[in-house]
């Protein structure tokens, strides 16, 4: 139990200090060591700095190895969309077509389309931010509403709920329950509707209060976004083309081109095609998007080299914040106290859907990762969930959808890597934005999960 106290203390400090603006890159290894140090009081071994160099840094390094190209290319792509005036052009088009007052809907749905198309939620943050900033600035909407809007569109219903979403949180349960990405479609649609309309209701209400009090977009001196005269902006077709190409290319490469290739040589690298096809497809698609954005807008930008340098520099903080959080989570899950917490969650409730939801969400909160928490929960408890579900007459498809939706609840606590990346990309702080982010990505998704547990328990699939 002392080990459990160490984990809770460490996690509490991480959440509190992250909210207060401390660097996760600094906090994560220190607090991972703090949690590990409690093993001494239980007569266990504390390996000191080895935990940092061999456990924490190994996990951090593996994450950077796997995802740095995506972060870097995503940041470059977002910077090019801004510097070329494409973001302003898209924002102007959306504003004119949607009409005044629909800016929130435009950003949320734009993020949803991109992520449902298979593009990483991190890339969505980089790509949509300059568009959202231009749109919100034109409409006089407080900038602090923008990160929650992006989070609602990218981190919630398209990540976990909508049937067929290609995001990893929807793919993980398939290997444990023998299901596919379209499992429990009715439950998925219900959960998605609650998240979308619940989040939009909240953000619209918060926006109206802020604007009624005279709050506008605000002055953000650190904001380095390009503003062009309207007559110099690229046509909408040219502006949107790189985004469409990224989505289309990602689909074509992942579903056809890479899937049919002979990749037996990957065995010598210790991997398989199924494990890398998603990353390869997105990397190639982003390269295509970057090249097209440069070719179509070369004359509109000042120095392409400077734009590329700014994009690369912007990716460093984003990936290091997220990788540090992954390192922390991987240290925590090796501790004896973590096993105790996991078993308590499993055995507290007999209903397999409730036990699965609690374990997936809580473990996602502890590790700061929806996919990480879900993987640990199902790797440890999936056979038990299946057995209990069979006894209760509950379909494995329901288990799949509940697990997927549940991991997208407590994962976005203040120390979550995606939240920290989003705030870093937009230049905002937890204090300015997290109340609204938390409502849209934690509270409302948990409500949606409770609803589909109730529906799934009575046989609705």
Protein backbone atom coordinates (compact mmCIF):
# COMPACT_ATOMS: atom_id res chain seq x y z
CA UNK A 1 0.00 0.00 0.00
CA UNK A 2 2.94 2.33 0.56
CA UNK A 3 3.76 1.90 -3.11
CA UNK A 4 0.19 2.90 -4.00
CA UNK A 5 0.59 6.06 -1.89
CA UNK A 6 3.78 6.83 -3.78
CA UNK A 7 2.02 6.55 -7.14
CA UNK A 8 -0.91 8.70 -6.02
CA UNK A 9 1.41 11.34 -4.54
CA UNK A 10 3.58 11.37 -7.66
CA UNK A 11 0.59 11.61 -10.01
CA UNK A 12 -1.06 14.31 -7.92
CA UNK A 13 2.08 16.43 -8.00
CA UNK A 14 2.47 15.88 -11.75
CA UNK A 15 -1.09 17.01 -12.45
CA UNK A 16 -0.90 20.00 -10.09
CA UNK A 17 2.50 21.25 -11.23
CA UNK A 18 1.68 20.71 -14.93
CA UNK A 19 -1.45 22.83 -14.40
CA UNK A 20 0.70 25.49 -12.74
CA UNK A 21 2.89 25.68 -15.82
CA UNK A 22 5.93 23.63 -14.80
CA UNK A 23 7.84 21.86 -17.56
CA UNK A 24 6.79 18.23 -18.03
CA UNK A 25 10.24 17.49 -19.43
CA UNK A 26 11.65 18.42 -16.01
CA UNK A 27 8.84 17.05 -13.84
CA UNK A 28 8.24 13.63 -15.39
CA UNK A 29 11.57 11.94 -14.57
CA UNK A 30 11.76 13.49 -11.09
CA UNK A 31 8.28 12.34 -10.13
CA UNK A 32 8.81 8.90 -11.69
CA UNK A 33 11.84 8.56 -9.41
CA UNK A 34 9.75 9.76 -6.44
CA UNK A 35 7.11 7.07 -7.03
CA UNK A 36 9.81 4.42 -7.45
CA UNK A 37 11.57 5.48 -4.24
CA UNK A 38 8.58 4.33 -2.16
CA UNK A 39 9.65 0.74 -2.90
CA UNK A 40 12.27 1.19 -0.15
CA UNK A 41 9.57 1.43 2.53
CA UNK A 42 8.17 -1.94 1.47
CA UNK A 43 11.52 -3.67 1.60
CA UNK A 44 11.95 -3.56 -2.14
CA UNK A 45 14.79 -2.32 -4.29
CA UNK A 46 15.15 1.25 -5.49
CA UNK A 47 17.49 1.40 -8.44
CA UNK A 48 18.00 5.14 -8.27
CA UNK A 49 19.35 6.83 -11.34
CA UNK A 50 19.08 3.60 -13.33
CA UNK A 51 15.32 4.14 -13.36
CA UNK A 52 15.98 7.42 -15.14
CA UNK A 53 18.67 6.29 -17.58
CA UNK A 54 17.44 2.76 -18.35
CA UNK A 55 13.65 2.83 -17.86
CA UNK A 56 12.51 6.44 -18.31
CA UNK A 57 14.94 7.41 -21.07
CA UNK A 58 14.49 4.13 -22.93
CA UNK A 59 10.72 4.68 -23.13
CA UNK A 60 11.23 8.34 -24.07
CA UNK A 61 13.73 7.38 -26.75
CA UNK A 62 11.47 4.71 -28.22
CA UNK A 63 8.64 7.23 -28.50
CA UNK A 64 10.84 9.81 -30.21
CA UNK A 65 12.15 7.13 -32.59
CA UNK A 66 8.62 6.12 -33.53
CA UNK A 67 6.94 9.52 -33.81
CA UNK A 68 9.50 12.31 -34.36
CA UNK A 69 9.03 12.32 -38.17
CA UNK A 70 5.26 12.75 -37.71
CA UNK A 71 5.67 15.57 -35.19
CA UNK A 72 8.30 17.34 -37.32
CA UNK A 73 6.41 17.02 -40.61
CA UNK A 74 3.14 17.97 -38.90
CA UNK A 75 4.71 21.11 -37.46
CA UNK A 76 6.26 22.04 -40.82
CA UNK A 77 2.94 21.45 -42.57
CA UNK A 78 1.08 23.68 -40.10
CA UNK A 79 3.70 26.42 -40.45
CA UNK A 80 3.50 26.30 -44.25
CA UNK A 81 -0.30 26.55 -44.11
CA UNK A 82 0.13 29.71 -42.06
CA UNK A 83 3.03 31.36 -43.88
CA UNK A 84 1.49 30.78 -47.32
CA UNK A 85 -1.78 32.45 -46.34
CA UNK A 86 -3.62 29.15 -46.87
CA UNK A 87 -4.90 29.15 -43.31
CA UNK A 88 -6.32 32.67 -43.74
CA UNK A 89 -7.88 31.69 -47.07
CA UNK A 90 -9.57 28.62 -45.60
CA UNK A 91 -10.74 30.62 -42.59
CA UNK A 92 -12.20 33.33 -44.80
CA UNK A 93 -14.00 30.76 -46.97
CA UNK A 94 -15.44 28.94 -43.95
CA UNK A 95 -16.51 32.21 -42.38
CA UNK A 96 -18.31 33.33 -45.53
CA UNK A 97 -19.99 29.99 -46.22
CA UNK A 98 -20.90 29.02 -42.68
CA UNK A 99 -21.98 32.47 -41.68
CA UNK A 100 -21.16 34.50 -38.63
CA UNK A 101 -21.49 32.59 -35.39
CA UNK A 102 -20.55 29.17 -36.85
CA UNK A 103 -16.80 29.46 -36.29
CA UNK A 104 -16.77 26.93 -33.43
CA UNK A 105 -18.60 24.37 -35.54
CA UNK A 106 -16.19 24.95 -38.41
CA UNK A 107 -13.08 24.23 -36.32
CA UNK A 108 -14.53 21.24 -34.47
CA UNK A 109 -15.78 19.61 -37.67
CA UNK A 110 -12.54 20.38 -39.53
CA UNK A 111 -10.57 18.55 -36.82
CA UNK A 112 -13.09 15.70 -36.87
CA UNK A 113 -12.80 15.23 -40.65
CA UNK A 114 -8.99 15.16 -40.51
CA UNK A 115 -8.73 12.71 -37.62
CA UNK A 116 -11.50 10.47 -38.95
CA UNK A 117 -9.55 10.44 -42.18
CA UNK A 118 -6.70 8.80 -40.30
CA UNK A 119 -4.47 11.81 -39.65
CA UNK A 120 -2.87 11.85 -36.19
CA UNK A 121 -4.49 14.11 -33.61
CA UNK A 122 -1.10 15.80 -33.13
CA UNK A 123 -0.98 16.68 -36.82
CA UNK A 124 -4.54 17.98 -36.57
CA UNK A 125 -3.44 20.37 -33.81
CA UNK A 126 -0.57 21.70 -35.92
CA UNK A 127 -2.63 21.99 -39.12
CA UNK A 128 -5.89 23.43 -37.76
CA UNK A 129 -4.42 25.90 -35.27
CA UNK A 130 -3.42 28.59 -37.81
CA UNK A 131 -6.82 28.21 -39.53
CA UNK A 132 -8.63 28.47 -36.19
CA UNK A 133 -6.55 31.44 -35.06
CA UNK A 134 -7.37 33.33 -38.26
CA UNK A 135 -11.06 32.47 -38.00
CA UNK A 136 -11.34 33.37 -34.30
CA UNK A 137 -9.41 36.60 -34.81
CA UNK A 138 -11.77 37.67 -37.61
CA UNK A 139 -14.83 36.87 -35.49
CA UNK A 140 -13.46 38.37 -32.25
CA UNK A 141 -13.81 35.07 -30.34
CA UNK A 142 -11.47 34.71 -27.32
CA UNK A 143 -8.43 32.68 -28.27
CA UNK A 144 -8.68 30.64 -25.06
CA UNK A 145 -11.73 28.90 -26.59
CA UNK A 146 -9.66 27.65 -29.55
CA UNK A 147 -7.62 24.89 -27.86
CA UNK A 148 -10.78 23.31 -26.35
CA UNK A 149 -12.46 23.45 -29.78
CA UNK A 150 -9.51 21.66 -31.39
CA UNK A 151 -9.47 19.15 -28.53
CA UNK A 152 -13.19 18.45 -28.94
CA UNK A 153 -12.80 17.77 -32.65
CA UNK A 154 -9.58 15.76 -32.48
CA UNK A 155 -9.31 14.13 -29.02
CA UNK A 156 -12.82 12.78 -28.43
CA UNK A 157 -15.50 11.21 -30.63
CA UNK A 158 -13.35 10.65 -33.75
CA UNK A 159 -10.65 9.07 -31.60
CA UNK A 160 -12.76 6.53 -29.72
CA UNK A 161 -16.45 6.45 -30.62
CA UNK A 162 -17.36 6.79 -34.30
CA UNK A 163 -17.51 3.30 -35.88
CA UNK A 164 -14.65 2.70 -38.29
CA UNK A 165 -12.30 5.39 -36.98
CA UNK A 166 -8.71 4.43 -37.88
CA UNK A 167 -7.27 5.86 -34.67
CA UNK A 168 -5.27 3.42 -32.52
CA UNK A 169 -7.73 3.62 -29.61
CA UNK A 170 -10.30 1.89 -31.85
CA UNK A 171 -7.80 -0.68 -33.15
CA UNK A 172 -6.37 -1.97 -29.86
CA UNK A 173 -9.52 -3.82 -28.64
CA UNK A 174 -9.78 -5.80 -31.91
CA UNK A 175 -6.93 -8.14 -31.06
CA UNK A 176 -8.39 -8.95 -27.64
CA UNK A 177 -12.07 -9.36 -28.49
CA UNK A 178 -11.95 -10.62 -32.09
CA UNK A 179 -13.94 -7.60 -33.31
CA UNK A 180 -13.42 -5.04 -36.07
CA UNK A 181 -13.33 -1.25 -36.16
CA UNK A 182 -17.09 -1.00 -36.66
CA UNK A 183 -17.95 -2.87 -33.44
CA UNK A 184 -21.19 -1.85 -31.66
CA UNK A 185 -22.12 0.89 -34.17
CA UNK A 186 -25.24 2.07 -32.34
CA UNK A 187 -23.33 2.54 -29.09
CA UNK A 188 -20.53 4.29 -30.96
CA UNK A 189 -22.89 6.74 -32.64
CA UNK A 190 -24.70 7.46 -29.35
CA UNK A 191 -21.39 8.13 -27.58
CA UNK A 192 -20.16 10.32 -30.44
CA UNK A 193 -23.37 12.37 -30.45
CA UNK A 194 -23.15 12.99 -26.70
CA UNK A 195 -19.52 14.11 -26.98
CA UNK A 196 -20.08 16.34 -30.02
CA UNK A 197 -23.29 18.05 -29.01
CA UNK A 198 -22.44 18.14 -25.30
CA UNK A 199 -19.06 19.71 -26.05
CA UNK A 200 -20.53 22.20 -28.50
CA UNK A 201 -23.21 23.21 -26.01
CA UNK A 202 -20.55 23.86 -23.38
CA UNK A 203 -18.17 25.80 -25.64
CA UNK A 204 -20.97 27.88 -27.17
CA UNK A 205 -22.20 28.82 -23.72
CA UNK A 206 -18.68 29.74 -22.55
CA UNK A 207 -18.07 31.77 -25.71
CA UNK A 208 -21.29 33.75 -25.27
CA UNK A 209 -20.45 34.60 -21.66
CA UNK A 210 -16.93 35.74 -22.59
CA UNK A 211 -18.05 37.89 -25.53
CA UNK A 212 -20.95 39.37 -23.52
CA UNK A 213 -18.34 40.54 -21.00
CA UNK A 214 -16.46 42.33 -23.79
CA UNK A 215 -13.69 39.77 -24.16
CA UNK A 216 -12.32 39.60 -27.69
CA UNK A 217 -9.60 37.54 -29.33
CA UNK A 218 -7.03 39.23 -27.12
CA UNK A 219 -3.49 40.46 -27.57
CA UNK A 220 -0.99 37.61 -27.88
CA UNK A 221 2.45 39.08 -28.43
CA UNK A 222 4.08 35.65 -28.58
CA UNK A 223 1.80 34.61 -31.44
CA UNK A 224 3.79 34.37 -34.67
CA UNK A 225 1.11 33.91 -37.30
CA UNK A 226 1.16 35.48 -40.73
CA UNK A 227 -1.46 38.06 -41.73
CA UNK A 228 -1.91 38.82 -45.44
CA UNK A 229 -4.06 41.21 -47.41
CA UNK A 230 -7.11 39.37 -48.69
CA UNK A 231 -6.26 40.02 -52.32
CA UNK A 232 -2.91 38.23 -51.84
CA UNK A 233 -4.39 35.10 -50.28
CA UNK A 234 -4.32 31.89 -52.36
CA UNK A 235 -7.65 30.73 -53.82
CA UNK A 236 -9.56 28.35 -51.59
CA UNK A 237 -8.96 25.40 -53.92
CA UNK A 238 -5.18 25.84 -53.75
CA UNK A 239 -5.28 26.50 -50.00
CA UNK A 240 -7.25 23.34 -49.16
CA UNK A 241 -5.46 21.06 -51.66
CA UNK A 242 -2.55 20.08 -49.36
CA UNK A 243 -4.94 19.02 -46.57
CA UNK A 244 -7.07 16.96 -48.95
CA UNK A 245 -3.95 15.34 -50.37
CA UNK A 246 -2.70 14.38 -46.89
CA UNK A 247 -6.01 12.68 -46.04
CA UNK A 248 -6.37 10.97 -49.44
CA UNK A 249 -2.74 9.86 -49.61
CA UNK A 250 -2.87 8.48 -46.09
CA UNK A 251 -5.86 6.34 -47.06
CA UNK A 252 -4.39 5.13 -50.36
CA UNK A 253 -0.97 4.25 -48.96
CA UNK A 254 -2.35 2.51 -45.85
CA UNK A 255 -5.14 0.59 -47.61
CA UNK A 256 -3.52 -0.28 -50.94
CA UNK A 257 0.06 0.64 -51.80
CA UNK A 258 1.95 -0.38 -48.65
CA UNK A 259 -0.46 -3.18 -47.73
CA UNK A 260 0.34 -5.17 -50.90
CA UNK A 261 4.12 -4.77 -50.84
CA UNK A 262 6.61 -7.49 -49.90
CA UNK A 263 8.04 -6.38 -46.55
CA UNK A 264 9.60 -9.62 -45.34
CA UNK A 265 12.90 -7.76 -44.97
CA UNK A 266 11.43 -5.99 -41.93
CA UNK A 267 12.12 -9.11 -39.86
CA UNK A 268 15.77 -8.13 -39.66
CA UNK A 269 14.65 -4.87 -38.00
CA UNK A 270 12.50 -6.74 -35.47
CA UNK A 271 9.17 -5.50 -36.77
CA UNK A 272 6.40 -6.29 -39.25
CA UNK A 273 4.53 -4.38 -41.92
CA UNK A 274 1.34 -4.25 -39.83
CA UNK A 275 3.20 -2.38 -37.09
CA UNK A 276 4.71 0.30 -39.31
CA UNK A 277 2.19 0.73 -42.12
CA UNK A 278 0.25 3.45 -40.28
CA UNK A 279 3.35 5.55 -39.57
CA UNK A 280 4.79 5.01 -43.04
CA UNK A 281 1.55 6.07 -44.70
CA UNK A 282 1.25 9.23 -42.64
CA UNK A 283 4.93 10.18 -43.11
CA UNK A 284 4.72 9.85 -46.90
CA UNK A 285 1.37 11.69 -46.95
CA UNK A 286 2.76 14.59 -44.93
CA UNK A 287 5.80 14.82 -47.20
CA UNK A 288 3.44 15.04 -50.20
CA UNK A 289 1.37 17.70 -48.40
CA UNK A 290 4.48 19.73 -47.53
CA UNK A 291 5.83 19.59 -51.10
CA UNK A 292 2.49 20.57 -52.63
CA UNK A 293 2.09 23.45 -50.16
CA UNK A 294 5.54 24.76 -51.11
CA UNK A 295 5.05 24.34 -54.87
CA UNK A 296 1.61 25.99 -54.91
CA UNK A 297 2.60 28.89 -52.67
CA UNK A 298 6.31 29.42 -53.25
CA UNK A 299 5.93 33.03 -54.39
CA UNK A 300 3.59 33.93 -51.52
CA UNK A 301 6.09 33.06 -48.81
CA UNK A 302 9.20 35.00 -47.89
CA UNK A 303 11.97 32.51 -47.23
CA UNK A 304 10.91 28.87 -47.47
CA UNK A 305 14.07 27.90 -45.58
CA UNK A 306 13.09 30.09 -42.64
CA UNK A 307 9.57 28.67 -42.62
CA UNK A 308 10.98 25.13 -42.56
CA UNK A 309 13.37 26.04 -39.74
CA UNK A 310 10.54 27.49 -37.65
CA UNK A 311 8.45 24.39 -38.22
CA UNK A 312 11.26 22.06 -37.16
CA UNK A 313 11.99 24.15 -34.06
CA UNK A 314 8.31 24.11 -33.12
CA UNK A 315 8.20 20.31 -33.19
CA UNK A 316 10.93 19.80 -30.58
CA UNK A 317 9.05 20.98 -27.50
CA UNK A 318 5.87 19.21 -28.59
CA UNK A 319 7.44 15.77 -28.97
CA UNK A 320 9.67 16.04 -25.90
CA UNK A 321 6.71 16.95 -23.69
CA UNK A 322 4.75 13.96 -24.94
CA UNK A 323 7.69 11.55 -24.85
CA UNK A 324 8.50 12.56 -21.26
CA UNK A 325 4.93 11.74 -20.27
CA UNK A 326 5.21 8.35 -21.95
CA UNK A 327 8.45 7.71 -20.04
CA UNK A 328 6.71 8.55 -16.77
CA UNK A 329 3.81 6.22 -17.51
CA UNK A 330 6.08 3.33 -18.40
CA UNK A 331 8.01 3.68 -15.15
CA UNK A 332 4.80 3.78 -13.11
CA UNK A 333 3.34 0.64 -14.71
CA UNK A 334 6.38 -1.41 -13.61
CA UNK A 335 5.81 -0.69 -9.91
CA UNK A 336 4.21 -3.15 -7.50
CA UNK A 337 1.75 -0.49 -6.35
CA UNK A 338 0.46 -0.22 -9.90
CA UNK A 339 -0.43 -3.92 -9.90
CA UNK A 340 -2.38 -3.46 -6.66
CA UNK A 341 -4.34 -0.54 -8.14
CA UNK A 342 -5.10 -2.53 -11.28
CA UNK A 343 -6.42 -5.54 -9.34
CA UNK A 344 -8.61 -3.32 -7.12
CA UNK A 345 -10.22 -1.83 -10.21
CA UNK A 346 -10.85 -5.27 -11.68
CA UNK A 347 -12.44 -6.80 -8.61
CA UNK A 348 -14.54 -3.90 -7.30
CA UNK A 349 -17.41 -4.37 -9.77
CA UNK A 350 -18.94 -7.61 -11.05
CA UNK A 351 -20.40 -5.95 -14.16
CA UNK A 352 -17.62 -6.44 -16.75
CA UNK A 353 -18.50 -3.23 -18.58
CA UNK A 354 -18.11 -1.11 -15.45
CA UNK A 355 -14.88 -2.87 -14.46
CA UNK A 356 -13.50 -2.48 -17.97
CA UNK A 357 -14.47 1.20 -18.17
CA UNK A 358 -12.93 2.05 -14.80
CA UNK A 359 -9.70 0.15 -15.43
CA UNK A 360 -9.24 1.56 -18.95
CA UNK A 361 -9.97 5.15 -17.93
CA UNK A 362 -8.02 5.18 -14.66
CA UNK A 363 -4.98 3.49 -16.20
CA UNK A 364 -5.14 5.99 -19.07
CA UNK A 365 -5.17 8.77 -16.49
CA UNK A 366 -2.20 7.36 -14.59
CA UNK A 367 -0.10 6.80 -17.69
CA UNK A 368 -1.28 10.02 -19.36
CA UNK A 369 -2.09 8.07 -22.51
CA UNK A 370 -5.39 6.69 -23.82
CA UNK A 371 -3.71 4.00 -25.90
CA UNK A 372 -1.21 3.20 -23.14
CA UNK A 373 -3.86 2.81 -20.46
CA UNK A 374 -6.12 0.78 -22.77
CA UNK A 375 -3.29 -1.55 -23.77
CA UNK A 376 -2.35 -2.23 -20.16
CA UNK A 377 -5.97 -2.80 -19.09
CA UNK A 378 -6.78 -5.25 -21.89
CA UNK A 379 -3.43 -7.01 -21.79
CA UNK A 380 -4.01 -7.71 -18.11
CA UNK A 381 -7.76 -8.23 -17.84
CA UNK A 382 -9.27 -8.97 -21.29
CA UNK A 383 -9.76 -12.73 -20.63
CA UNK A 384 -11.61 -11.96 -17.39
CA UNK A 385 -13.78 -9.33 -19.09
CA UNK A 386 -14.67 -11.80 -21.87
CA UNK A 387 -15.54 -14.56 -19.40
CA UNK A 388 -17.76 -12.31 -17.28
CA UNK A 389 -19.38 -10.79 -20.37
CA UNK A 390 -20.19 -14.25 -21.70
CA UNK A 391 -21.84 -15.18 -18.39
CA UNK A 392 -23.89 -11.96 -18.53
CA UNK A 393 -24.84 -12.38 -22.19
CA UNK A 394 -22.93 -9.26 -23.26
CA UNK A 395 -21.45 -9.18 -26.78
CA UNK A 396 -17.67 -8.77 -27.27
CA UNK A 397 -18.58 -5.88 -29.58
CA UNK A 398 -19.96 -4.01 -26.58
CA UNK A 399 -16.74 -4.70 -24.67
CA UNK A 400 -14.80 -3.26 -27.59
CA UNK A 401 -16.77 -0.03 -27.79
CA UNK A 402 -16.90 0.56 -24.03
CA UNK A 403 -13.15 0.00 -23.70
CA UNK A 404 -12.41 2.37 -26.58
CA UNK A 405 -14.70 5.16 -25.33
CA UNK A 406 -13.57 4.74 -21.69
CA UNK A 407 -9.87 5.18 -22.42
CA UNK A 408 -10.71 8.59 -23.88
CA UNK A 409 -12.00 9.89 -20.55
CA UNK A 410 -9.37 10.45 -17.89
CA UNK A 411 -6.51 10.27 -20.39
CA UNK A 412 -6.64 14.04 -20.95
CA UNK A 413 -5.89 15.14 -17.40
CA UNK A 414 -3.57 18.19 -17.22
CA UNK A 415 -0.39 16.09 -17.56
CA UNK A 416 -1.52 14.39 -20.79
CA UNK A 417 0.96 14.72 -23.65
CA UNK A 418 -1.64 15.69 -26.25
CA UNK A 419 -3.01 18.45 -23.98
CA UNK A 420 0.47 19.80 -23.31
CA UNK A 421 1.32 19.65 -27.03
CA UNK A 422 -1.90 21.46 -27.95
CA UNK A 423 -1.22 24.23 -25.45
CA UNK A 424 2.39 24.54 -26.64
CA UNK A 425 1.31 24.74 -30.29
CA UNK A 426 -1.33 27.40 -29.58
CA UNK A 427 0.81 29.34 -27.11
CA UNK A 428 -1.79 29.10 -24.34
CA UNK A 429 -1.65 27.88 -20.73
CA UNK A 430 -3.51 25.38 -18.57
CA UNK A 431 -4.86 28.23 -16.48
CA UNK A 432 -6.40 29.88 -19.55
CA UNK A 433 -7.83 26.78 -21.21
CA UNK A 434 -7.95 23.64 -19.12
CA UNK A 435 -11.39 24.11 -17.55
CA UNK A 436 -12.95 24.01 -21.02
CA UNK A 437 -10.60 21.31 -22.31
CA UNK A 438 -11.36 19.13 -19.30
CA UNK A 439 -15.10 19.54 -19.68
CA UNK A 440 -14.99 18.58 -23.38
CA UNK A 441 -12.43 15.75 -23.18
CA UNK A 442 -12.89 14.30 -19.67
CA UNK A 443 -16.31 15.01 -18.13
CA UNK A 444 -18.55 14.73 -21.20
CA UNK A 445 -16.76 11.60 -22.58
CA UNK A 446 -17.16 9.95 -19.14
CA UNK A 447 -20.88 10.75 -19.27
CA UNK A 448 -21.10 9.23 -22.75
CA UNK A 449 -19.32 6.12 -21.49
CA UNK A 450 -21.82 5.73 -18.62
CA UNK A 451 -24.70 5.99 -21.10
CA UNK A 452 -23.38 3.28 -23.43
CA UNK A 453 -22.61 1.00 -20.46
CA UNK A 454 -26.28 1.25 -19.50
CA UNK A 455 -27.39 0.61 -23.09
CA UNK A 456 -24.90 -2.19 -23.63
CA UNK A 457 -25.99 -3.93 -20.43
CA UNK A 458 -29.52 -4.33 -21.84
CA UNK A 459 -28.34 -5.75 -25.13
CA UNK A 460 -28.07 -2.74 -27.43
CA UNK A 461 -25.14 -3.07 -29.82
